[in-house]
Amino acid sequence: MKWTSALAIFTLFWVFSAFFVLPFHGRRAEDADAPLIPGQDRGAPATFRPKRVLLQMTIAAAVCFVLYYIAYVNGWADPDVLSGRA
């Protein structure tokens, strides 16, 4: 696998990991002690820590990419078989 292909696949895993990571973050604004600002969604996080979210996304993407790469190297995820060419 070329390094550019690996980078593209890792980037896809990284972006998709946001859908897995974001729902698990903190208390809702409704449950926090601070008053709601007019127009604020009650389900929004009370505090948002982007560095923490990015780190968790990177860890989740790295784990998924390693599993994919192991499957690729062992032939379990052969591109020709998956595309129907073989």
PDB file of N, CA and C in Angstrom:
ATOM      1  N   MET A   1       0.855  -1.173   0.000  1.00  0.00           N
ATOM      2  CA  MET A   1       0.000   0.000   0.000  1.00  0.00           C
ATOM      3  C   MET A   1       0.899   1.233   0.000  1.00  0.00           C
ATOM      4  N   LYS A   2       0.577   2.173  -0.851  1.00  0.00           N
ATOM      5  CA  LYS A   2       1.331   3.418  -0.901  1.00  0.00           C
ATOM      6  C   LYS A   2       1.026   4.252   0.341  1.00  0.00           C
ATOM      7  N   TRP A   3       1.975   5.113   0.702  1.00  0.00           N
ATOM      8  CA  TRP A   3       1.779   5.928   1.900  1.00  0.00           C
ATOM      9  C   TRP A   3       0.633   6.922   1.712  1.00  0.00           C
ATOM     10  N   THR A   4       0.415   7.352   0.470  1.00  0.00           N
ATOM     11  CA  THR A   4      -0.680   8.289   0.222  1.00  0.00           C
ATOM     12  C   THR A   4      -2.035   7.600   0.405  1.00  0.00           C
ATOM     13  N   SER A   5      -2.126   6.340   0.006  1.00  0.00           N
ATOM     14  CA  SER A   5      -3.357   5.580   0.227  1.00  0.00           C
ATOM     15  C   SER A   5      -3.590   5.364   1.713  1.00  0.00           C
ATOM     16  N   ALA A   6      -2.524   5.052   2.437  1.00  0.00           N
ATOM     17  CA  ALA A   6      -2.653   4.858   3.885  1.00  0.00           C
ATOM     18  C   ALA A   6      -3.098   6.148   4.568  1.00  0.00           C
ATOM     19  N   LEU A   7      -2.546   7.267   4.127  1.00  0.00           N
ATOM     20  CA  LEU A   7      -2.935   8.557   4.696  1.00  0.00           C
ATOM     21  C   LEU A   7      -4.402   8.871   4.400  1.00  0.00           C
ATOM     22  N   ALA A   8      -4.844   8.589   3.190  1.00  0.00           N
ATOM     23  CA  ALA A   8      -6.246   8.836   2.827  1.00  0.00           C
ATOM     24  C   ALA A   8      -7.185   7.955   3.641  1.00  0.00           C
ATOM     25  N   ILE A   9      -6.832   6.697   3.835  1.00  0.00           N
ATOM     26  CA  ILE A   9      -7.668   5.786   4.615  1.00  0.00           C
ATOM     27  C   ILE A   9      -7.688   6.211   6.079  1.00  0.00           C
ATOM     28  N   PHE A  10      -6.532   6.595   6.620  1.00  0.00           N
ATOM     29  CA  PHE A  10      -6.495   7.078   8.003  1.00  0.00           C
ATOM     30  C   PHE A  10      -7.352   8.331   8.163  1.00  0.00           C
ATOM     31  N   THR A  11      -7.290   9.232   7.185  1.00  0.00           N
ATOM     32  CA  THR A  11      -8.092  10.455   7.245  1.00  0.00           C
ATOM     33  C   THR A  11      -9.580  10.129   7.245  1.00  0.00           C
ATOM     34  N   LEU A  12      -9.982   9.168   6.432  1.00  0.00           N
ATOM     35  CA  LEU A  12     -11.384   8.747   6.447  1.00  0.00           C
ATOM     36  C   LEU A  12     -11.781   8.186   7.805  1.00  0.00           C
ATOM     37  N   PHE A  13     -10.949   7.331   8.363  1.00  0.00           N
ATOM     38  CA  PHE A  13     -11.231   6.791   9.699  1.00  0.00           C
ATOM     39  C   PHE A  13     -11.296   7.918  10.726  1.00  0.00           C
ATOM     40  N   TRP A  14     -10.426   8.910  10.598  1.00  0.00           N
ATOM     41  CA  TRP A  14     -10.382  10.018  11.560  1.00  0.00           C
ATOM     42  C   TRP A  14     -11.661  10.844  11.500  1.00  0.00           C
ATOM     43  N   VAL A  15     -12.112  11.142  10.288  1.00  0.00           N
ATOM     44  CA  VAL A  15     -13.334  11.943  10.134  1.00  0.00           C
ATOM     45  C   VAL A  15     -14.546  11.154  10.625  1.00  0.00           C
ATOM     46  N   PHE A  16     -14.638   9.890  10.258  1.00  0.00           N
ATOM     47  CA  PHE A  16     -15.779   9.078  10.685  1.00  0.00           C
ATOM     48  C   PHE A  16     -15.781   8.829  12.188  1.00  0.00           C
ATOM     49  N   SER A  17     -14.621   8.878  12.826  1.00  0.00           N
ATOM     50  CA  SER A  17     -14.572   8.647  14.271  1.00  0.00           C
ATOM     51  C   SER A  17     -15.262   9.764  15.050  1.00  0.00           C
ATOM     52  N   ALA A  18     -15.459  10.920  14.435  1.00  0.00           N
ATOM     53  CA  ALA A  18     -16.185  12.005  15.105  1.00  0.00           C
ATOM     54  C   ALA A  18     -17.603  11.570  15.441  1.00  0.00           C
ATOM     55  N   PHE A  19     -18.223  10.797  14.566  1.00  0.00           N
ATOM     56  CA  PHE A  19     -19.586  10.331  14.814  1.00  0.00           C
ATOM     57  C   PHE A  19     -19.633   9.352  15.982  1.00  0.00           C
ATOM     58  N   PHE A  20     -18.528   8.694  16.259  1.00  0.00           N
ATOM     59  CA  PHE A  20     -18.468   7.781  17.396  1.00  0.00           C
ATOM     60  C   PHE A  20     -18.113   8.518  18.686  1.00  0.00           C
ATOM     61  N   VAL A  21     -17.213   9.476  18.616  1.00  0.00           N
ATOM     62  CA  VAL A  21     -16.673  10.142  19.807  1.00  0.00           C
ATOM     63  C   VAL A  21     -17.612  11.219  20.360  1.00  0.00           C
ATOM     64  N   LEU A  22     -18.181  12.038  19.510  1.00  0.00           N
ATOM     65  CA  LEU A  22     -18.935  13.204  19.980  1.00  0.00           C
ATOM     66  C   LEU A  22     -20.135  12.891  20.867  1.00  0.00           C
ATOM     67  N   PRO A  23     -20.895  11.833  20.633  1.00  0.00           N
ATOM     68  CA  PRO A  23     -22.051  11.602  21.509  1.00  0.00           C
ATOM     69  C   PRO A  23     -21.704  11.282  22.964  1.00  0.00           C
ATOM     70  N   PHE A  24     -20.469  10.976  23.266  1.00  0.00           N
ATOM     71  CA  PHE A  24     -20.090  10.567  24.616  1.00  0.00           C
ATOM     72  C   PHE A  24     -19.525  11.702  25.458  1.00  0.00           C
ATOM     73  N   HIS A  25     -19.757  12.952  25.079  1.00  0.00           N
ATOM     74  CA  HIS A  25     -19.084  14.041  25.765  1.00  0.00           C
ATOM     75  C   HIS A  25     -19.956  14.790  26.741  1.00  0.00           C
ATOM     76  N   GLY A  26     -19.584  14.668  27.988  1.00  0.00           N
ATOM     77  CA  GLY A  26     -20.039  15.506  29.072  1.00  0.00           C
ATOM     78  C   GLY A  26     -21.511  15.654  29.331  1.00  0.00           C
ATOM     79  N   ARG A  27     -21.768  16.586  30.232  1.00  0.00           N
ATOM     80  CA  ARG A  27     -23.134  16.897  30.616  1.00  0.00           C
ATOM     81  C   ARG A  27     -23.762  17.814  29.591  1.00  0.00           C
ATOM     82  N   ARG A  28     -25.065  17.726  29.520  1.00  0.00           N
ATOM     83  CA  ARG A  28     -25.790  18.623  28.638  1.00  0.00           C
ATOM     84  C   ARG A  28     -25.905  19.985  29.316  1.00  0.00           C
ATOM     85  N   ALA A  29     -26.113  21.019  28.524  1.00  0.00           N
ATOM     86  CA  ALA A  29     -26.257  22.372  29.054  1.00  0.00           C
ATOM     87  C   ALA A  29     -27.464  22.453  29.979  1.00  0.00           C
ATOM     88  N   GLU A  30     -28.458  21.659  29.714  1.00  0.00           N
ATOM     89  CA  GLU A  30     -29.673  21.625  30.522  1.00  0.00           C
ATOM     90  C   GLU A  30     -29.383  21.130  31.938  1.00  0.00           C
ATOM     91  N   ASP A  31     -28.423  20.215  32.077  1.00  0.00           N
ATOM     92  CA  ASP A  31     -28.094  19.631  33.378  1.00  0.00           C
ATOM     93  C   ASP A  31     -27.065  20.446  34.148  1.00  0.00           C
ATOM     94  N   ALA A  32     -26.401  21.375  33.491  1.00  0.00           N
ATOM     95  CA  ALA A  32     -25.353  22.162  34.148  1.00  0.00           C
ATOM     96  C   ALA A  32     -25.980  23.233  35.049  1.00  0.00           C
ATOM     97  N   ASP A  33     -25.157  23.783  35.934  1.00  0.00           N
ATOM     98  CA  ASP A  33     -25.626  24.813  36.856  1.00  0.00           C
ATOM     99  C   ASP A  33     -25.782  26.174  36.185  1.00  0.00           C
ATOM    100  N   ALA A  34     -25.072  26.399  35.102  1.00  0.00           N
ATOM    101  CA  ALA A  34     -25.098  27.704  34.429  1.00  0.00           C
ATOM    102  C   ALA A  34     -26.434  27.898  33.714  1.00  0.00           C
ATOM    103  N   PRO A  35     -26.922  29.123  33.683  1.00  0.00           N
ATOM    104  CA  PRO A  35     -28.189  29.379  32.988  1.00  0.00           C
ATOM    105  C   PRO A  35     -28.015  29.260  31.474  1.00  0.00           C
ATOM    106  N   LEU A  36     -29.090  28.878  30.797  1.00  0.00           N
ATOM    107  CA  LEU A  36     -29.050  28.760  29.338  1.00  0.00           C
ATOM    108  C   LEU A  36     -29.080  30.144  28.703  1.00  0.00           C
ATOM    109  N   ILE A  37     -28.317  30.304  27.655  1.00  0.00           N
ATOM    110  CA  ILE A  37     -28.307  31.540  26.880  1.00  0.00           C
ATOM    111  C   ILE A  37     -29.479  31.462  25.908  1.00  0.00           C
ATOM    112  N   PRO A  38     -30.190  32.554  25.665  1.00  0.00           N
ATOM    113  CA  PRO A  38     -31.302  32.495  24.720  1.00  0.00           C
ATOM    114  C   PRO A  38     -30.850  31.970  23.356  1.00  0.00           C
ATOM    115  N   GLY A  39     -31.548  30.957  22.848  1.00  0.00           N
ATOM    116  CA  GLY A  39     -31.210  30.349  21.574  1.00  0.00           C
ATOM    117  C   GLY A  39     -30.308  29.134  21.692  1.00  0.00           C
ATOM    118  N   GLN A  40     -29.809  28.864  22.898  1.00  0.00           N
ATOM    119  CA  GLN A  40     -28.918  27.719  23.100  1.00  0.00           C
ATOM    120  C   GLN A  40     -29.733  26.433  23.164  1.00  0.00           C
ATOM    121  N   ASP A  41     -29.270  25.413  22.495  1.00  0.00           N
ATOM    122  CA  ASP A  41     -29.940  24.120  22.521  1.00  0.00           C
ATOM    123  C   ASP A  41     -29.718  23.453  23.877  1.00  0.00           C
ATOM    124  N   ARG A  42     -30.779  22.888  24.417  1.00  0.00           N
ATOM    125  CA  ARG A  42     -30.678  22.244  25.741  1.00  0.00           C
ATOM    126  C   ARG A  42     -29.782  21.005  25.714  1.00  0.00           C
ATOM    127  N   GLY A  43     -29.663  20.358  24.575  1.00  0.00           N
ATOM    128  CA  GLY A  43     -28.845  19.156  24.468  1.00  0.00           C
ATOM    129  C   GLY A  43     -27.391  19.419  24.143  1.00  0.00           C
ATOM    130  N   ALA A  44     -27.027  20.685  23.957  1.00  0.00           N
ATOM    131  CA  ALA A  44     -25.636  21.020  23.646  1.00  0.00           C
ATOM    132  C   ALA A  44     -24.759  20.761  24.867  1.00  0.00           C
ATOM    133  N   PRO A  45     -23.480  20.435  24.656  1.00  0.00           N
ATOM    134  CA  PRO A  45     -22.600  20.211  25.805  1.00  0.00           C
ATOM    135  C   PRO A  45     -22.425  21.484  26.630  1.00  0.00           C
ATOM    136  N   ALA A  46     -22.350  21.315  27.953  1.00  0.00           N
ATOM    137  CA  ALA A  46     -22.153  22.464  28.837  1.00  0.00           C
ATOM    138  C   ALA A  46     -20.775  23.067  28.624  1.00  0.00           C
ATOM    139  N   THR A  47     -19.779  22.218  28.475  1.00  0.00           N
ATOM    140  CA  THR A  47     -18.419  22.669  28.164  1.00  0.00           C
ATOM    141  C   THR A  47     -17.909  21.837  26.995  1.00  0.00           C
ATOM    142  N   PHE A  48     -17.239  22.499  26.072  1.00  0.00           N
ATOM    143  CA  PHE A  48     -16.707  21.808  24.901  1.00  0.00           C
ATOM    144  C   PHE A  48     -15.201  21.911  24.928  1.00  0.00           C
ATOM    145  N   ARG A  49     -14.524  20.776  24.889  1.00  0.00           N
ATOM    146  CA  ARG A  49     -13.057  20.734  24.904  1.00  0.00           C
ATOM    147  C   ARG A  49     -12.571  20.147  23.578  1.00  0.00           C
ATOM    148  N   PRO A  50     -12.272  20.993  22.608  1.00  0.00           N
ATOM    149  CA  PRO A  50     -11.907  20.476  21.285  1.00  0.00           C
ATOM    150  C   PRO A  50     -10.618  19.662  21.274  1.00  0.00           C
ATOM    151  N   LYS A  51      -9.649  20.011  22.113  1.00  0.00           N
ATOM    152  CA  LYS A  51      -8.391  19.242  22.131  1.00  0.00           C
ATOM    153  C   LYS A  51      -8.648  17.813  22.577  1.00  0.00           C
ATOM    154  N   ARG A  52      -9.504  17.655  23.567  1.00  0.00           N
ATOM    155  CA  ARG A  52      -9.839  16.323  24.074  1.00  0.00           C
ATOM    156  C   ARG A  52     -10.580  15.515  23.003  1.00  0.00           C
ATOM    157  N   VAL A  53     -11.504  16.165  22.318  1.00  0.00           N
ATOM    158  CA  VAL A  53     -12.258  15.488  21.258  1.00  0.00           C
ATOM    159  C   VAL A  53     -11.322  15.067  20.132  1.00  0.00           C
ATOM    160  N   LEU A  54     -10.427  15.942  19.707  1.00  0.00           N
ATOM    161  CA  LEU A  54      -9.484  15.618  18.635  1.00  0.00           C
ATOM    162  C   LEU A  54      -8.549  14.478  19.035  1.00  0.00           C
ATOM    163  N   LEU A  55      -8.109  14.472  20.294  1.00  0.00           N
ATOM    164  CA  LEU A  55      -7.252  13.382  20.768  1.00  0.00           C
ATOM    165  C   LEU A  55      -8.009  12.059  20.751  1.00  0.00           C
ATOM    166  N   GLN A  56      -9.232  12.060  21.221  1.00  0.00           N
ATOM    167  CA  GLN A  56     -10.020  10.827  21.225  1.00  0.00           C
ATOM    168  C   GLN A  56     -10.328  10.359  19.807  1.00  0.00           C
ATOM    169  N   MET A  57     -10.592  11.301  18.911  1.00  0.00           N
ATOM    170  CA  MET A  57     -10.806  10.936  17.509  1.00  0.00           C
ATOM    171  C   MET A  57      -9.561  10.308  16.912  1.00  0.00           C
ATOM    172  N   THR A  58      -8.393  10.862  17.231  1.00  0.00           N
ATOM    173  CA  THR A  58      -7.140  10.342  16.703  1.00  0.00           C
ATOM    174  C   THR A  58      -6.864   8.936  17.229  1.00  0.00           C
ATOM    175  N   ILE A  59      -7.125   8.707  18.504  1.00  0.00           N
ATOM    176  CA  ILE A  59      -6.922   7.382  19.086  1.00  0.00           C
ATOM    177  C   ILE A  59      -7.862   6.367  18.452  1.00  0.00           C
ATOM    178  N   ALA A  60      -9.147   6.725  18.319  1.00  0.00           N
ATOM    179  CA  ALA A  60     -10.120   5.813  17.705  1.00  0.00           C
ATOM    180  C   ALA A  60      -9.748   5.515  16.253  1.00  0.00           C
ATOM    181  N   ALA A  61      -9.329   6.536  15.515  1.00  0.00           N
ATOM    182  CA  ALA A  61      -8.941   6.340  14.115  1.00  0.00           C
ATOM    183  C   ALA A  61      -7.694   5.468  14.009  1.00  0.00           C
ATOM    184  N   ALA A  62      -6.748   5.658  14.906  1.00  0.00           N
ATOM    185  CA  ALA A  62      -5.517   4.853  14.875  1.00  0.00           C
ATOM    186  C   ALA A  62      -5.821   3.378  15.136  1.00  0.00           C
ATOM    187  N   VAL A  63      -6.696   3.111  16.097  1.00  0.00           N
ATOM    188  CA  VAL A  63      -7.065   1.721  16.389  1.00  0.00           C
ATOM    189  C   VAL A  63      -7.749   1.088  15.180  1.00  0.00           C
ATOM    190  N   CYS A  64      -8.693   1.807  14.581  1.00  0.00           N
ATOM    191  CA  CYS A  64      -9.393   1.285  13.408  1.00  0.00           C
ATOM    192  C   CYS A  64      -8.440   1.085  12.236  1.00  0.00           C
ATOM    193  N   PHE A  65      -7.521   2.032  12.042  1.00  0.00           N
ATOM    194  CA  PHE A  65      -6.575   1.904  10.930  1.00  0.00           C
ATOM    195  C   PHE A  65      -5.637   0.720  11.136  1.00  0.00           C
ATOM    196  N   VAL A  66      -5.168   0.515  12.348  1.00  0.00           N
ATOM    197  CA  VAL A  66      -4.290  -0.626  12.622  1.00  0.00           C
ATOM    198  C   VAL A  66      -5.023  -1.933  12.335  1.00  0.00           C
ATOM    199  N   LEU A  67      -6.274  -2.033  12.750  1.00  0.00           N
ATOM    200  CA  LEU A  67      -7.055  -3.243  12.466  1.00  0.00           C
ATOM    201  C   LEU A  67      -7.239  -3.432  10.963  1.00  0.00           C
ATOM    202  N   TYR A  68      -7.523  -2.341  10.258  1.00  0.00           N
ATOM    203  CA  TYR A  68      -7.660  -2.426   8.801  1.00  0.00           C
ATOM    204  C   TYR A  68      -6.332  -2.835   8.162  1.00  0.00           C
ATOM    205  N   TYR A  69      -5.224  -2.252   8.608  1.00  0.00           N
ATOM    206  CA  TYR A  69      -3.925  -2.556   8.003  1.00  0.00           C
ATOM    207  C   TYR A  69      -3.530  -4.018   8.245  1.00  0.00           C
ATOM    208  N   ILE A  70      -3.835  -4.527   9.428  1.00  0.00           N
ATOM    209  CA  ILE A  70      -3.562  -5.944   9.706  1.00  0.00           C
ATOM    210  C   ILE A  70      -4.369  -6.820   8.758  1.00  0.00           C
ATOM    211  N   ALA A  71      -5.631  -6.473   8.544  1.00  0.00           N
ATOM    212  CA  ALA A  71      -6.470  -7.236   7.617  1.00  0.00           C
ATOM    213  C   ALA A  71      -5.941  -7.114   6.187  1.00  0.00           C
ATOM    214  N   TYR A  72      -5.453  -5.952   5.812  1.00  0.00           N
ATOM    215  CA  TYR A  72      -4.917  -5.743   4.465  1.00  0.00           C
ATOM    216  C   TYR A  72      -3.650  -6.565   4.243  1.00  0.00           C
ATOM    217  N   VAL A  73      -2.743  -6.530   5.215  1.00  0.00           N
ATOM    218  CA  VAL A  73      -1.472  -7.252   5.083  1.00  0.00           C
ATOM    219  C   VAL A  73      -1.709  -8.763   5.031  1.00  0.00           C
ATOM    220  N   ASN A  74      -2.651  -9.262   5.809  1.00  0.00           N
ATOM    221  CA  ASN A  74      -2.924 -10.700   5.845  1.00  0.00           C
ATOM    222  C   ASN A  74      -3.827 -11.166   4.708  1.00  0.00           C
ATOM    223  N   GLY A  75      -4.284 -10.227   3.883  1.00  0.00           N
ATOM    224  CA  GLY A  75      -5.104 -10.598   2.743  1.00  0.00           C
ATOM    225  C   GLY A  75      -6.582 -10.738   3.053  1.00  0.00           C
ATOM    226  N   TRP A  76      -6.988 -10.379   4.248  1.00  0.00           N
ATOM    227  CA  TRP A  76      -8.407 -10.476   4.613  1.00  0.00           C
ATOM    228  C   TRP A  76      -9.216  -9.374   3.957  1.00  0.00           C
ATOM    229  N   ALA A  77      -8.577  -8.262   3.631  1.00  0.00           N
ATOM    230  CA  ALA A  77      -9.238  -7.122   2.987  1.00  0.00           C
ATOM    231  C   ALA A  77      -8.573  -6.858   1.646  1.00  0.00           C
ATOM    232  N   ASP A  78      -8.617  -7.835   0.758  1.00  0.00           N
ATOM    233  CA  ASP A  78      -8.002  -7.709  -0.562  1.00  0.00           C
ATOM    234  C   ASP A  78      -8.850  -6.794  -1.443  1.00  0.00           C
ATOM    235  N   PRO A  79      -8.274  -5.708  -1.947  1.00  0.00           N
ATOM    236  CA  PRO A  79      -9.052  -4.765  -2.763  1.00  0.00           C
ATOM    237  C   PRO A  79      -9.689  -5.416  -3.991  1.00  0.00           C
ATOM    238  N   ASP A  80      -9.012  -6.386  -4.617  1.00  0.00           N
ATOM    239  CA  ASP A  80      -9.565  -7.032  -5.805  1.00  0.00           C
ATOM    240  C   ASP A  80     -10.798  -7.862  -5.452  1.00  0.00           C
ATOM    241  N   VAL A  81     -10.748  -8.555  -4.341  1.00  0.00           N
ATOM    242  CA  VAL A  81     -11.890  -9.366  -3.924  1.00  0.00           C
ATOM    243  C   VAL A  81     -13.050  -8.471  -3.516  1.00  0.00           C
ATOM    244  N   LEU A  82     -12.765  -7.412  -2.786  1.00  0.00           N
ATOM    245  CA  LEU A  82     -13.822  -6.517  -2.319  1.00  0.00           C
ATOM    246  C   LEU A  82     -14.498  -5.774  -3.470  1.00  0.00           C
ATOM    247  N   SER A  83     -13.759  -5.472  -4.531  1.00  0.00           N
ATOM    248  CA  SER A  83     -14.334  -4.748  -5.665  1.00  0.00           C
ATOM    249  C   SER A  83     -14.985  -5.683  -6.672  1.00  0.00           C
ATOM    250  N   GLY A  84     -14.800  -6.990  -6.523  1.00  0.00           N
ATOM    251  CA  GLY A  84     -15.416  -7.951  -7.427  1.00  0.00           C
ATOM    252  C   GLY A  84     -14.597  -8.251  -8.674  1.00  0.00           C
ATOM    253  N   ARG A  85     -13.331  -7.828  -8.701  1.00  0.00           N
ATOM    254  CA  ARG A  85     -12.475  -8.066  -9.870  1.00  0.00           C
ATOM    255  C   ARG A  85     -11.834  -9.442  -9.863  1.00  0.00           C
ATOM    256  N   ALA A  86     -11.852 -10.122  -8.738  1.00  0.00           N
ATOM    257  CA  ALA A  86     -11.173 -11.424  -8.686  1.00  0.00           C
ATOM    258  C   ALA A  86     -12.128 -12.543  -8.364  1.00  0.00           C
TER     259      ALA A  86
END
